[in-house]
Structure formats: structure tokens, C-alpha cells
């Protein structure tokens, strides 16, 4: 059974940084493209960043490019999202997701002074 568990969220001041982690189990993590999604308050789910299986293709939403970095550890089955220079607009629940759309429970990020 595919299972994804996100962690690392919290409250941070504008300009601060957080690193999100997602641990995956129940499938061959290293074979699949993985993405981070987020859902801001009262808004639709949006794609933040994706990384393909061999880390040669990275995709970032325009709103986070240059501030966020996605990475993966295929030995430990982890997906990461390093988030720098956070703003209030980054406030959201963040999810990691498989190509099939499986998501974890999410981790809340609140950027506020």
C-alpha cells in the first residue's frame, strides 16, 4: 500500500526558511516522478515543484522559482522541499504526491509576523 507522510511544516516569519520532508513507502519510489503540491487557505490545490526519477528534470511554479529547491533521496525514499525567503503567500498545506495522485496528510506552513 502506497503511503506518503509529510513533515517539517510550522510557523515562520516572512523571509524565513523551512525544509519539508516526505517519506514514501509501499512502492518503488526511485522509479517515479514526485511532486509537491500546496493548498493555500480558501484556494485551489496547486503544483509547487516536481522532480523526475533521475533528478534531471526539475519543475517549479513561477511563484517559487529561485526560492524553493526540490530534491530526493532514493536510498531512504525521501522527497524534500527546501523553502527560502518565505512570504505570506506561501502559507498553505503542503503535500507530496505520486504520479497517480496519492497524497499524504499534508504539513501546514504558516508564514506570519
Protein backbone atom coordinates (compact mmCIF):
# COMPACT_ATOMS: atom_id res chain seq x y z
CA UNK A 1 0.00 0.00 0.00
CA UNK A 2 1.39 3.37 -1.04
CA UNK A 3 1.95 5.64 1.92
CA UNK A 4 3.31 9.18 1.99
CA UNK A 5 3.99 11.11 5.18
CA UNK A 6 4.90 14.79 5.07
CA UNK A 7 6.66 16.64 7.86
CA UNK A 8 8.63 19.79 8.56
CA UNK A 9 5.89 22.39 8.44
CA UNK A 10 5.39 25.07 11.04
CA UNK A 11 5.12 28.77 11.61
CA UNK A 12 7.87 31.03 10.35
CA UNK A 13 8.34 34.75 9.90
CA UNK A 14 8.45 36.33 6.45
CA UNK A 15 11.90 35.90 4.97
CA UNK A 16 12.50 32.71 6.90
CA UNK A 17 13.17 29.17 5.73
CA UNK A 18 11.73 25.71 6.21
CA UNK A 19 12.58 22.30 4.85
CA UNK A 20 9.73 19.90 4.21
CA UNK A 21 10.24 16.16 4.05
CA UNK A 22 8.11 13.37 2.67
CA UNK A 23 8.79 9.74 3.35
CA UNK A 24 7.39 7.21 0.91
CA UNK A 25 6.70 3.52 1.25
CA UNK A 26 4.79 0.75 -0.47
CA UNK A 27 6.14 1.27 -3.99
CA UNK A 28 9.37 1.70 -5.95
CA UNK A 29 9.90 5.32 -5.03
CA UNK A 30 13.05 5.70 -7.11
CA UNK A 31 11.19 4.85 -10.35
CA UNK A 32 8.69 7.69 -10.17
CA UNK A 33 8.45 11.40 -10.67
CA UNK A 34 7.37 13.10 -7.46
CA UNK A 35 5.77 16.46 -6.84
CA UNK A 36 4.97 18.86 -4.06
CA UNK A 37 1.52 20.44 -4.12
CA UNK A 38 0.06 23.04 -1.82
CA UNK A 39 -3.36 24.32 -0.93
CA UNK A 40 -3.49 27.87 0.40
CA UNK A 41 -6.43 28.88 2.58
CA UNK A 42 -9.67 29.14 0.55
CA UNK A 43 -7.84 28.40 -2.69
CA UNK A 44 -7.35 25.52 -5.08
CA UNK A 45 -4.62 22.94 -4.89
CA UNK A 46 -1.58 23.98 -6.94
CA UNK A 47 1.61 22.34 -8.11
CA UNK A 48 4.68 23.76 -6.44
CA UNK A 49 7.54 21.64 -7.74
CA UNK A 50 8.28 18.28 -9.34
CA UNK A 51 11.37 16.15 -9.80
CA UNK A 52 11.70 13.23 -12.17
CA UNK A 53 13.10 9.86 -11.23
CA UNK A 54 16.70 10.57 -12.18
CA UNK A 55 16.71 14.19 -10.97
CA UNK A 56 17.43 15.54 -14.45
CA UNK A 57 14.19 17.48 -14.75
CA UNK A 58 13.06 19.88 -12.09
CA UNK A 59 9.91 21.92 -12.38
CA UNK A 60 8.98 24.93 -10.28
CA UNK A 61 5.92 27.12 -10.20
CA UNK A 62 6.73 30.69 -11.17
CA UNK A 63 5.79 31.85 -7.70
CA UNK A 64 8.50 29.77 -6.01
CA UNK A 65 11.26 29.54 -8.62
CA UNK A 66 14.54 30.80 -7.22
CA UNK A 67 13.35 30.39 -3.63
CA UNK A 68 12.42 26.72 -3.36
CA UNK A 69 14.56 23.67 -4.13
CA UNK A 70 13.24 20.14 -4.59
CA UNK A 71 15.38 17.07 -4.06
CA UNK A 72 15.07 13.39 -3.37
CA UNK A 73 16.94 10.60 -1.63
CA UNK A 74 16.20 7.35 -3.41
CA UNK A 75 18.10 5.28 -0.86
CA UNK A 76 15.96 6.40 2.04
CA UNK A 77 12.82 7.09 -0.04
CA UNK A 78 12.60 10.74 0.91
CA UNK A 79 11.40 13.77 -1.00
CA UNK A 80 12.45 17.23 0.18
CA UNK A 81 11.44 20.81 -0.39
CA UNK A 82 13.82 23.50 0.81
CA UNK A 83 11.89 26.75 1.08
CA UNK A 84 13.71 30.06 1.45
CA UNK A 85 12.62 33.70 1.59
CA UNK A 86 9.13 32.66 2.57
CA UNK A 87 6.26 35.10 2.22
CA UNK A 88 2.68 35.15 3.46
CA UNK A 89 1.61 33.86 0.04
CA UNK A 90 3.44 30.62 0.79
CA UNK A 91 1.06 29.87 3.65
CA UNK A 92 -0.62 26.58 2.77
CA UNK A 93 -0.90 22.91 3.49
CA UNK A 94 1.85 21.17 1.55
CA UNK A 95 1.52 17.66 0.16
CA UNK A 96 3.85 15.31 -1.63
CA UNK A 97 2.24 13.30 -4.36
CA UNK A 98 2.88 10.40 -6.69
CA UNK A 99 2.02 10.50 -10.40
CA UNK A 100 -1.16 8.59 -9.59
CA UNK A 101 -2.25 11.38 -7.29
CA UNK A 102 -1.72 9.69 -3.96
CA UNK A 103 -1.06 12.24 -1.24
CA UNK A 104 -0.16 12.20 2.40
CA UNK A 105 -1.98 14.04 5.14
CA UNK A 106 -0.04 17.20 4.43
CA UNK A 107 2.03 19.52 6.56
CA UNK A 108 0.93 23.04 7.42
CA UNK A 109 3.15 26.02 6.67
CA UNK A 110 2.21 29.39 8.11
CA UNK A 111 4.24 32.44 7.24
CA UNK A 112 3.34 35.29 9.53
CA UNK A 113 4.95 38.04 11.55
